[in-house]
Amino acid sequence: MNVSSKEQNLLSGAIDKMNEGLDAFIQLYNEAKIQKNNIEFDEDTLKVIEEAIEVHGKETIEKKLNRIVQEILSFSVTGNGDS
Protein backbone atom coordinates (compact mmCIF):
# COMPACT_ATOMS: atom_id res chain seq x y z
CA MET A 1 0.00 0.00 0.00
CA ASN A 2 1.49 3.29 -1.04
CA VAL A 3 0.87 6.29 1.18
CA SER A 4 2.22 9.80 1.26
CA SER A 5 4.25 11.12 4.16
CA LYS A 6 1.24 13.11 5.37
CA GLU A 7 -1.01 10.02 5.24
CA GLN A 8 1.62 8.00 7.07
CA ASN A 9 1.74 10.62 9.85
CA LEU A 10 -2.06 10.64 10.09
CA LEU A 11 -2.17 6.84 10.29
CA SER A 12 0.57 6.83 12.91
CA GLY A 13 -1.35 9.38 14.99
CA ALA A 14 -4.54 7.36 14.68
CA ILE A 15 -2.73 4.21 15.79
CA ASP A 16 -1.27 6.05 18.78
CA LYS A 17 -4.74 7.25 19.81
CA MET A 18 -6.14 3.73 19.44
CA ASN A 19 -3.33 2.39 21.63
CA GLU A 20 -4.05 5.05 24.27
CA GLY A 21 -7.73 4.09 24.23
CA LEU A 22 -6.88 0.41 24.51
CA ASP A 23 -4.54 1.16 27.43
CA ALA A 24 -7.38 3.02 29.17
CA PHE A 25 -9.71 0.04 28.72
CA ILE A 26 -7.06 -2.35 30.02
CA GLN A 27 -6.53 -0.14 33.07
CA LEU A 28 -10.28 -0.03 33.76
CA TYR A 29 -10.47 -3.80 33.42
CA ASN A 30 -7.53 -4.35 35.75
CA GLU A 31 -8.98 -2.00 38.38
CA ALA A 32 -12.49 -3.46 38.16
CA LYS A 33 -13.68 -5.50 41.10
CA ILE A 34 -16.40 -8.10 40.95
CA GLN A 35 -19.22 -7.16 43.25
CA LYS A 36 -20.24 -10.05 45.44
CA ASN A 37 -23.50 -9.94 47.34
CA ASN A 38 -23.26 -12.05 50.46
CA ILE A 39 -27.01 -12.15 51.00
CA GLU A 40 -29.73 -12.36 48.38
CA PHE A 41 -33.00 -10.76 49.49
CA ASP A 42 -36.33 -12.00 48.17
CA GLU A 43 -38.55 -9.68 46.12
CA ASP A 44 -40.82 -8.74 49.06
CA THR A 45 -37.86 -7.75 51.21
CA LEU A 46 -36.30 -5.74 48.39
CA LYS A 47 -39.57 -3.90 47.88
CA VAL A 48 -39.75 -2.95 51.57
CA ILE A 49 -36.11 -1.83 51.54
CA GLU A 50 -36.67 0.31 48.46
CA GLU A 51 -39.76 1.92 49.99
CA ALA A 52 -37.86 2.62 53.21
CA ILE A 53 -35.02 4.21 51.23
CA GLU A 54 -37.50 6.49 49.47
CA VAL A 55 -38.97 7.61 52.80
CA HIS A 56 -35.87 7.77 55.03
CA GLY A 57 -32.92 7.96 52.62
CA LYS A 58 -30.29 5.41 51.66
CA GLU A 59 -27.73 6.34 54.32
CA THR A 60 -30.22 6.00 57.19
CA ILE A 61 -31.53 2.63 56.00
CA GLU A 62 -28.02 1.27 55.40
CA LYS A 63 -26.98 2.24 58.95
CA LYS A 64 -30.10 0.69 60.47
CA LEU A 65 -29.80 -2.54 58.45
CA ASN A 66 -26.13 -2.85 59.35
CA ARG A 67 -26.91 -2.44 63.06
CA ILE A 68 -29.73 -4.99 62.90
CA VAL A 69 -27.63 -7.57 61.05
CA GLN A 70 -24.66 -7.08 63.39
CA GLU A 71 -26.88 -7.49 66.44
CA ILE A 72 -28.57 -10.62 65.11
CA LEU A 73 -25.35 -12.26 63.98
CA SER A 74 -23.48 -11.41 67.18
CA PHE A 75 -25.72 -13.94 68.98
CA SER A 76 -24.75 -16.71 66.58
CA VAL A 77 -21.04 -15.87 66.64
CA THR A 78 -20.49 -15.48 70.39
CA GLY A 79 -23.34 -17.62 71.66
CA ASN A 80 -24.47 -14.97 74.17
CA GLY A 81 -25.03 -11.81 72.19
CA ASP A 82 -21.77 -10.10 73.15
CA SER A 83 -19.95 -8.71 70.15
PDB file of N, CA and C in Angstrom:
ATOM      1  N   MET A   1       0.851  -1.165   0.000  1.00  0.00           N
ATOM      2  CA  MET A   1       0.000   0.000   0.000  1.00  0.00           C
ATOM      3  C   MET A   1       0.895   1.226   0.000  1.00  0.00           C
ATOM      4  N   ASN A   2       0.705   2.071  -0.937  1.00  0.00           N
ATOM      5  CA  ASN A   2       1.492   3.291  -1.041  1.00  0.00           C
ATOM      6  C   ASN A   2       0.745   4.434  -0.370  1.00  0.00           C
ATOM      7  N   VAL A   3       1.450   5.139   0.511  1.00  0.00           N
ATOM      8  CA  VAL A   3       0.865   6.294   1.178  1.00  0.00           C
ATOM      9  C   VAL A   3       1.872   7.427   1.155  1.00  0.00           C
ATOM     10  N   SER A   4       1.343   8.630   1.218  1.00  0.00           N
ATOM     11  CA  SER A   4       2.219   9.799   1.264  1.00  0.00           C
ATOM     12  C   SER A   4       2.731   9.982   2.690  1.00  0.00           C
ATOM     13  N   SER A   5       3.686  10.833   2.838  1.00  0.00           N
ATOM     14  CA  SER A   5       4.253  11.116   4.164  1.00  0.00           C
ATOM     15  C   SER A   5       3.177  11.668   5.097  1.00  0.00           C
ATOM     16  N   LYS A   6       2.326  12.516   4.572  1.00  0.00           N
ATOM     17  CA  LYS A   6       1.241  13.110   5.372  1.00  0.00           C
ATOM     18  C   LYS A   6       0.273  12.014   5.829  1.00  0.00           C
ATOM     19  N   GLU A   7      -0.105  11.121   4.907  1.00  0.00           N
ATOM     20  CA  GLU A   7      -1.011  10.024   5.243  1.00  0.00           C
ATOM     21  C   GLU A   7      -0.379   9.085   6.273  1.00  0.00           C
ATOM     22  N   GLN A   8       0.922   8.862   6.129  1.00  0.00           N
ATOM     23  CA  GLN A   8       1.618   8.000   7.072  1.00  0.00           C
ATOM     24  C   GLN A   8       1.589   8.616   8.477  1.00  0.00           C
ATOM     25  N   ASN A   9       1.796   9.925   8.559  1.00  0.00           N
ATOM     26  CA  ASN A   9       1.741  10.619   9.853  1.00  0.00           C
ATOM     27  C   ASN A   9       0.331  10.555  10.453  1.00  0.00           C
ATOM     28  N   LEU A  10      -0.682  10.717   9.607  1.00  0.00           N
ATOM     29  CA  LEU A  10      -2.063  10.635  10.088  1.00  0.00           C
ATOM     30  C   LEU A  10      -2.378   9.231  10.598  1.00  0.00           C
ATOM     31  N   LEU A  11      -1.946   8.220   9.863  1.00  0.00           N
ATOM     32  CA  LEU A  11      -2.165   6.835  10.289  1.00  0.00           C
ATOM     33  C   LEU A  11      -1.423   6.539  11.595  1.00  0.00           C
ATOM     34  N   SER A  12      -0.216   7.037  11.698  1.00  0.00           N
ATOM     35  CA  SER A  12       0.572   6.828  12.910  1.00  0.00           C
ATOM     36  C   SER A  12      -0.120   7.484  14.112  1.00  0.00           C
ATOM     37  N   GLY A  13      -0.626   8.692  13.916  1.00  0.00           N
ATOM     38  CA  GLY A  13      -1.350   9.382  14.991  1.00  0.00           C
ATOM     39  C   GLY A  13      -2.606   8.636  15.391  1.00  0.00           C
ATOM     40  N   ALA A  14      -3.320   8.114  14.390  1.00  0.00           N
ATOM     41  CA  ALA A  14      -4.545   7.359  14.678  1.00  0.00           C
ATOM     42  C   ALA A  14      -4.220   6.090  15.452  1.00  0.00           C
ATOM     43  N   ILE A  15      -3.142   5.421  15.078  1.00  0.00           N
ATOM     44  CA  ILE A  15      -2.735   4.205  15.790  1.00  0.00           C
ATOM     45  C   ILE A  15      -2.352   4.540  17.230  1.00  0.00           C
ATOM     46  N   ASP A  16      -1.641   5.630  17.423  1.00  0.00           N
ATOM     47  CA  ASP A  16      -1.268   6.054  18.780  1.00  0.00           C
ATOM     48  C   ASP A  16      -2.509   6.300  19.634  1.00  0.00           C
ATOM     49  N   LYS A  17      -3.501   6.973  19.062  1.00  0.00           N
ATOM     50  CA  LYS A  17      -4.737   7.245  19.811  1.00  0.00           C
ATOM     51  C   LYS A  17      -5.483   5.954  20.128  1.00  0.00           C
ATOM     52  N   MET A  18      -5.494   5.016  19.184  1.00  0.00           N
ATOM     53  CA  MET A  18      -6.142   3.730  19.438  1.00  0.00           C
ATOM     54  C   MET A  18      -5.427   2.982  20.558  1.00  0.00           C
ATOM     55  N   ASN A  19      -4.105   3.039  20.573  1.00  0.00           N
ATOM     56  CA  ASN A  19      -3.332   2.391  21.629  1.00  0.00           C
ATOM     57  C   ASN A  19      -3.609   3.027  22.990  1.00  0.00           C
ATOM     58  N   GLU A  20      -3.721   4.352  23.014  1.00  0.00           N
ATOM     59  CA  GLU A  20      -4.048   5.050  24.267  1.00  0.00           C
ATOM     60  C   GLU A  20      -5.423   4.613  24.772  1.00  0.00           C
ATOM     61  N   GLY A  21      -6.389   4.539  23.856  1.00  0.00           N
ATOM     62  CA  GLY A  21      -7.728   4.092  24.229  1.00  0.00           C
ATOM     63  C   GLY A  21      -7.721   2.660  24.739  1.00  0.00           C
ATOM     64  N   LEU A  22      -6.988   1.803  24.084  1.00  0.00           N
ATOM     65  CA  LEU A  22      -6.875   0.412  24.510  1.00  0.00           C
ATOM     66  C   LEU A  22      -6.231   0.330  25.889  1.00  0.00           C
ATOM     67  N   ASP A  23      -5.183   1.125  26.112  1.00  0.00           N
ATOM     68  CA  ASP A  23      -4.539   1.159  27.429  1.00  0.00           C
ATOM     69  C   ASP A  23      -5.523   1.592  28.506  1.00  0.00           C
ATOM     70  N   ALA A  24      -6.387   2.562  28.201  1.00  0.00           N
ATOM     71  CA  ALA A  24      -7.383   3.022  29.167  1.00  0.00           C
ATOM     72  C   ALA A  24      -8.373   1.905  29.492  1.00  0.00           C
ATOM     73  N   PHE A  25      -8.805   1.164  28.482  1.00  0.00           N
ATOM     74  CA  PHE A  25      -9.715   0.040  28.716  1.00  0.00           C
ATOM     75  C   PHE A  25      -9.047  -1.049  29.549  1.00  0.00           C
ATOM     76  N   ILE A  26      -7.790  -1.334  29.250  1.00  0.00           N
ATOM     77  CA  ILE A  26      -7.062  -2.347  30.017  1.00  0.00           C
ATOM     78  C   ILE A  26      -6.925  -1.918  31.471  1.00  0.00           C
ATOM     79  N   GLN A  27      -6.639  -0.644  31.694  1.00  0.00           N
ATOM     80  CA  GLN A  27      -6.525  -0.139  33.067  1.00  0.00           C
ATOM     81  C   GLN A  27      -7.855  -0.257  33.796  1.00  0.00           C
ATOM     82  N   LEU A  28      -8.959   0.111  33.145  1.00  0.00           N
ATOM     83  CA  LEU A  28     -10.279  -0.026  33.765  1.00  0.00           C
ATOM     84  C   LEU A  28     -10.574  -1.479  34.104  1.00  0.00           C
ATOM     85  N   TYR A  29     -10.257  -2.366  33.193  1.00  0.00           N
ATOM     86  CA  TYR A  29     -10.472  -3.795  33.416  1.00  0.00           C
ATOM     87  C   TYR A  29      -9.660  -4.292  34.606  1.00  0.00           C
ATOM     88  N   ASN A  30      -8.407  -3.900  34.666  1.00  0.00           N
ATOM     89  CA  ASN A  30      -7.527  -4.353  35.746  1.00  0.00           C
ATOM     90  C   ASN A  30      -7.956  -3.805  37.109  1.00  0.00           C
ATOM     91  N   GLU A  31      -8.561  -2.617  37.122  1.00  0.00           N
ATOM     92  CA  GLU A  31      -8.985  -2.003  38.377  1.00  0.00           C
ATOM     93  C   GLU A  31     -10.393  -2.432  38.791  1.00  0.00           C
ATOM     94  N   ALA A  32     -11.112  -3.060  37.886  1.00  0.00           N
ATOM     95  CA  ALA A  32     -12.494  -3.465  38.164  1.00  0.00           C
ATOM     96  C   ALA A  32     -12.512  -4.566  39.215  1.00  0.00           C
ATOM     97  N   LYS A  33     -13.495  -4.482  40.071  1.00  0.00           N
ATOM     98  CA  LYS A  33     -13.677  -5.501  41.097  1.00  0.00           C
ATOM     99  C   LYS A  33     -15.050  -6.123  40.900  1.00  0.00           C
ATOM    100  N   ILE A  34     -15.121  -7.407  41.075  1.00  0.00           N
ATOM    101  CA  ILE A  34     -16.395  -8.103  40.953  1.00  0.00           C
ATOM    102  C   ILE A  34     -17.172  -7.893  42.240  1.00  0.00           C
ATOM    103  N   GLN A  35     -18.384  -7.384  42.092  1.00  0.00           N
ATOM    104  CA  GLN A  35     -19.220  -7.161  43.254  1.00  0.00           C
ATOM    105  C   GLN A  35     -19.858  -8.473  43.668  1.00  0.00           C
ATOM    106  N   LYS A  36     -19.695  -8.798  44.934  1.00  0.00           N
ATOM    107  CA  LYS A  36     -20.240 -10.048  45.439  1.00  0.00           C
ATOM    108  C   LYS A  36     -21.246  -9.731  46.538  1.00  0.00           C
ATOM    109  N   ASN A  37     -22.481 -10.098  46.312  1.00  0.00           N
ATOM    110  CA  ASN A  37     -23.498  -9.939  47.340  1.00  0.00           C
ATOM    111  C   ASN A  37     -23.470 -11.162  48.232  1.00  0.00           C
ATOM    112  N   ASN A  38     -23.314 -10.933  49.519  1.00  0.00           N
ATOM    113  CA  ASN A  38     -23.257 -12.047  50.457  1.00  0.00           C
ATOM    114  C   ASN A  38     -24.644 -12.598  50.759  1.00  0.00           C
ATOM    115  N   ILE A  39     -25.646 -11.741  50.681  1.00  0.00           N
ATOM    116  CA  ILE A  39     -27.013 -12.151  51.000  1.00  0.00           C
ATOM    117  C   ILE A  39     -27.920 -11.737  49.849  1.00  0.00           C
ATOM    118  N   GLU A  40     -28.745 -12.654  49.408  1.00  0.00           N
ATOM    119  CA  GLU A  40     -29.734 -12.355  48.375  1.00  0.00           C
ATOM    120  C   GLU A  40     -31.092 -12.191  49.051  1.00  0.00           C
ATOM    121  N   PHE A  41     -31.687 -11.014  48.910  1.00  0.00           N
ATOM    122  CA  PHE A  41     -33.001 -10.763  49.485  1.00  0.00           C
ATOM    123  C   PHE A  41     -34.085 -11.201  48.511  1.00  0.00           C
ATOM    124  N   ASP A  42     -35.219 -11.656  49.048  1.00  0.00           N
ATOM    125  CA  ASP A  42     -36.330 -12.001  48.165  1.00  0.00           C
ATOM    126  C   ASP A  42     -37.019 -10.711  47.709  1.00  0.00           C
ATOM    127  N   GLU A  43     -37.905 -10.845  46.735  1.00  0.00           N
ATOM    128  CA  GLU A  43     -38.550  -9.684  46.121  1.00  0.00           C
ATOM    129  C   GLU A  43     -39.327  -8.842  47.129  1.00  0.00           C
ATOM    130  N   ASP A  44     -40.045  -9.486  48.061  1.00  0.00           N
ATOM    131  CA  ASP A  44     -40.820  -8.743  49.060  1.00  0.00           C
ATOM    132  C   ASP A  44     -39.914  -7.896  49.946  1.00  0.00           C
ATOM    133  N   THR A  45     -38.796  -8.474  50.364  1.00  0.00           N
ATOM    134  CA  THR A  45     -37.857  -7.750  51.211  1.00  0.00           C
ATOM    135  C   THR A  45     -37.234  -6.585  50.446  1.00  0.00           C
ATOM    136  N   LEU A  46     -36.867  -6.811  49.200  1.00  0.00           N
ATOM    137  CA  LEU A  46     -36.296  -5.739  48.388  1.00  0.00           C
ATOM    138  C   LEU A  46     -37.279  -4.588  48.217  1.00  0.00           C
ATOM    139  N   LYS A  47     -38.541  -4.927  48.041  1.00  0.00           N
ATOM    140  CA  LYS A  47     -39.566  -3.897  47.879  1.00  0.00           C
ATOM    141  C   LYS A  47     -39.671  -3.037  49.141  1.00  0.00           C
ATOM    142  N   VAL A  48     -39.663  -3.685  50.302  1.00  0.00           N
ATOM    143  CA  VAL A  48     -39.746  -2.951  51.568  1.00  0.00           C
ATOM    144  C   VAL A  48     -38.509  -2.075  51.758  1.00  0.00           C
ATOM    145  N   ILE A  49     -37.343  -2.616  51.424  1.00  0.00           N
ATOM    146  CA  ILE A  49     -36.113  -1.835  51.544  1.00  0.00           C
ATOM    147  C   ILE A  49     -36.161  -0.612  50.631  1.00  0.00           C
ATOM    148  N   GLU A  50     -36.586  -0.802  49.399  1.00  0.00           N
ATOM    149  CA  GLU A  50     -36.667   0.312  48.456  1.00  0.00           C
ATOM    150  C   GLU A  50     -37.648   1.376  48.924  1.00  0.00           C
ATOM    151  N   GLU A  51     -38.782   0.960  49.466  1.00  0.00           N
ATOM    152  CA  GLU A  51     -39.759   1.920  49.987  1.00  0.00           C
ATOM    153  C   GLU A  51     -39.186   2.679  51.174  1.00  0.00           C
ATOM    154  N   ALA A  52     -38.470   1.976  52.048  1.00  0.00           N
ATOM    155  CA  ALA A  52     -37.863   2.620  53.211  1.00  0.00           C
ATOM    156  C   ALA A  52     -36.809   3.636  52.778  1.00  0.00           C
ATOM    157  N   ILE A  53     -36.049   3.296  51.749  1.00  0.00           N
ATOM    158  CA  ILE A  53     -35.025   4.213  51.234  1.00  0.00           C
ATOM    159  C   ILE A  53     -35.678   5.479  50.691  1.00  0.00           C
ATOM    160  N   GLU A  54     -36.797   5.325  50.000  1.00  0.00           N
ATOM    161  CA  GLU A  54     -37.504   6.489  49.467  1.00  0.00           C
ATOM    162  C   GLU A  54     -37.978   7.406  50.591  1.00  0.00           C
ATOM    163  N   VAL A  55     -38.425   6.818  51.690  1.00  0.00           N
ATOM    164  CA  VAL A  55     -38.966   7.607  52.801  1.00  0.00           C
ATOM    165  C   VAL A  55     -37.852   8.190  53.671  1.00  0.00           C
ATOM    166  N   HIS A  56     -36.861   7.365  54.026  1.00  0.00           N
ATOM    167  CA  HIS A  56     -35.872   7.770  55.030  1.00  0.00           C
ATOM    168  C   HIS A  56     -34.495   8.079  54.465  1.00  0.00           C
ATOM    169  N   GLY A  57     -34.232   7.721  53.225  1.00  0.00           N
ATOM    170  CA  GLY A  57     -32.920   7.956  52.625  1.00  0.00           C
ATOM    171  C   GLY A  57     -32.024   6.737  52.740  1.00  0.00           C
ATOM    172  N   LYS A  58     -31.153   6.591  51.758  1.00  0.00           N
ATOM    173  CA  LYS A  58     -30.292   5.411  51.656  1.00  0.00           C
ATOM    174  C   LYS A  58     -29.352   5.292  52.846  1.00  0.00           C
ATOM    175  N   GLU A  59     -28.718   6.384  53.230  1.00  0.00           N
ATOM    176  CA  GLU A  59     -27.730   6.336  54.319  1.00  0.00           C
ATOM    177  C   GLU A  59     -28.366   5.871  55.626  1.00  0.00           C
ATOM    178  N   THR A  60     -29.538   6.388  55.949  1.00  0.00           N
ATOM    179  CA  THR A  60     -30.223   6.005  57.188  1.00  0.00           C
ATOM    180  C   THR A  60     -30.570   4.526  57.179  1.00  0.00           C
ATOM    181  N   ILE A  61     -31.127   4.044  56.084  1.00  0.00           N
ATOM    182  CA  ILE A  61     -31.532   2.634  56.005  1.00  0.00           C
ATOM    183  C   ILE A  61     -30.310   1.721  56.042  1.00  0.00           C
ATOM    184  N   GLU A  62     -29.234   2.092  55.356  1.00  0.00           N
ATOM    185  CA  GLU A  62     -28.022   1.270  55.401  1.00  0.00           C
ATOM    186  C   GLU A  62     -27.487   1.155  56.823  1.00  0.00           C
ATOM    187  N   LYS A  63     -27.461   2.270  57.555  1.00  0.00           N
ATOM    188  CA  LYS A  63     -26.983   2.242  58.948  1.00  0.00           C
ATOM    189  C   LYS A  63     -27.863   1.341  59.806  1.00  0.00           C
ATOM    190  N   LYS A  64     -29.175   1.486  59.659  1.00  0.00           N
ATOM    191  CA  LYS A  64     -30.097   0.686  60.469  1.00  0.00           C
ATOM    192  C   LYS A  64     -29.984  -0.800  60.137  1.00  0.00           C
ATOM    193  N   LEU A  65     -29.934  -1.136  58.845  1.00  0.00           N
ATOM    194  CA  LEU A  65     -29.804  -2.541  58.451  1.00  0.00           C
ATOM    195  C   LEU A  65     -28.484  -3.131  58.944  1.00  0.00           C
ATOM    196  N   ASN A  66     -27.414  -2.363  58.856  1.00  0.00           N
ATOM    197  CA  ASN A  66     -26.127  -2.849  59.348  1.00  0.00           C
ATOM    198  C   ASN A  66     -26.170  -3.125  60.847  1.00  0.00           C
ATOM    199  N   ARG A  67     -26.798  -2.220  61.613  1.00  0.00           N
ATOM    200  CA  ARG A  67     -26.908  -2.436  63.063  1.00  0.00           C
ATOM    201  C   ARG A  67     -27.737  -3.675  63.377  1.00  0.00           C
ATOM    202  N   ILE A  68     -28.848  -3.837  62.663  1.00  0.00           N
ATOM    203  CA  ILE A  68     -29.728  -4.988  62.900  1.00  0.00           C
ATOM    204  C   ILE A  68     -28.988  -6.292  62.593  1.00  0.00           C
ATOM    205  N   VAL A  69     -28.333  -6.356  61.444  1.00  0.00           N
ATOM    206  CA  VAL A  69     -27.632  -7.574  61.050  1.00  0.00           C
ATOM    207  C   VAL A  69     -26.503  -7.880  62.034  1.00  0.00           C
ATOM    208  N   GLN A  70     -25.747  -6.866  62.432  1.00  0.00           N
ATOM    209  CA  GLN A  70     -24.665  -7.085  63.390  1.00  0.00           C
ATOM    210  C   GLN A  70     -25.206  -7.613  64.711  1.00  0.00           C
ATOM    211  N   GLU A  71     -26.308  -7.051  65.171  1.00  0.00           N
ATOM    212  CA  GLU A  71     -26.885  -7.490  66.443  1.00  0.00           C
ATOM    213  C   GLU A  71     -27.370  -8.933  66.348  1.00  0.00           C
ATOM    214  N   ILE A  72     -28.056  -9.257  65.281  1.00  0.00           N
ATOM    215  CA  ILE A  72     -28.569 -10.621  65.115  1.00  0.00           C
ATOM    216  C   ILE A  72     -27.421 -11.619  64.994  1.00  0.00           C
ATOM    217  N   LEU A  73     -26.440 -11.318  64.197  1.00  0.00           N
ATOM    218  CA  LEU A  73     -25.350 -12.260  63.976  1.00  0.00           C
ATOM    219  C   LEU A  73     -24.405 -12.352  65.171  1.00  0.00           C
ATOM    220  N   SER A  74     -24.356 -11.332  66.001  1.00  0.00           N
ATOM    221  CA  SER A  74     -23.484 -11.405  67.179  1.00  0.00           C
ATOM    222  C   SER A  74     -23.936 -12.527  68.113  1.00  0.00           C
ATOM    223  N   PHE A  75     -25.225 -12.837  68.159  1.00  0.00           N
ATOM    224  CA  PHE A  75     -25.723 -13.938  68.983  1.00  0.00           C
ATOM    225  C   PHE A  75     -25.208 -15.279  68.462  1.00  0.00           C
ATOM    226  N   SER A  76     -25.176 -15.430  67.140  1.00  0.00           N
ATOM    227  CA  SER A  76     -24.746 -16.710  66.576  1.00  0.00           C
ATOM    228  C   SER A  76     -23.232 -16.877  66.638  1.00  0.00           C
ATOM    229  N   VAL A  77     -22.499 -15.792  66.639  1.00  0.00           N
ATOM    230  CA  VAL A  77     -21.041 -15.874  66.641  1.00  0.00           C
ATOM    231  C   VAL A  77     -20.511 -16.117  68.049  1.00  0.00           C
ATOM    232  N   THR A  78     -21.028 -15.371  69.032  1.00  0.00           N
ATOM    233  CA  THR A  78     -20.494 -15.476  70.395  1.00  0.00           C
ATOM    234  C   THR A  78     -21.284 -16.427  71.253  1.00  0.00           C
ATOM    235  N   GLY A  79     -22.508 -16.702  70.868  1.00  0.00           N
ATOM    236  CA  GLY A  79     -23.345 -17.616  71.660  1.00  0.00           C
ATOM    237  C   GLY A  79     -24.122 -16.917  72.770  1.00  0.00           C
ATOM    238  N   ASN A  80     -23.746 -15.659  73.092  1.00  0.00           N
ATOM    239  CA  ASN A  80     -24.465 -14.974  74.169  1.00  0.00           C
ATOM    240  C   ASN A  80     -24.871 -13.552  73.804  1.00  0.00           C
ATOM    241  N   GLY A  81     -24.602 -13.137  72.600  1.00  0.00           N
ATOM    242  CA  GLY A  81     -25.031 -11.813  72.187  1.00  0.00           C
ATOM    243  C   GLY A  81     -23.963 -10.755  72.353  1.00  0.00           C
ATOM    244  N   ASP A  82     -22.845 -11.060  73.018  1.00  0.00           N
ATOM    245  CA  ASP A  82     -21.774 -10.097  73.148  1.00  0.00           C
ATOM    246  C   ASP A  82     -21.008 -10.032  71.833  1.00  0.00           C
ATOM    247  N   SER A  83     -20.704  -8.822  71.408  1.00  0.00           N
ATOM    248  CA  SER A  83     -19.952  -8.713  70.150  1.00  0.00           C
ATOM    249  C   SER A  83     -18.504  -8.410  70.385  1.00  0.00           C
TER     250      SER A  83
END
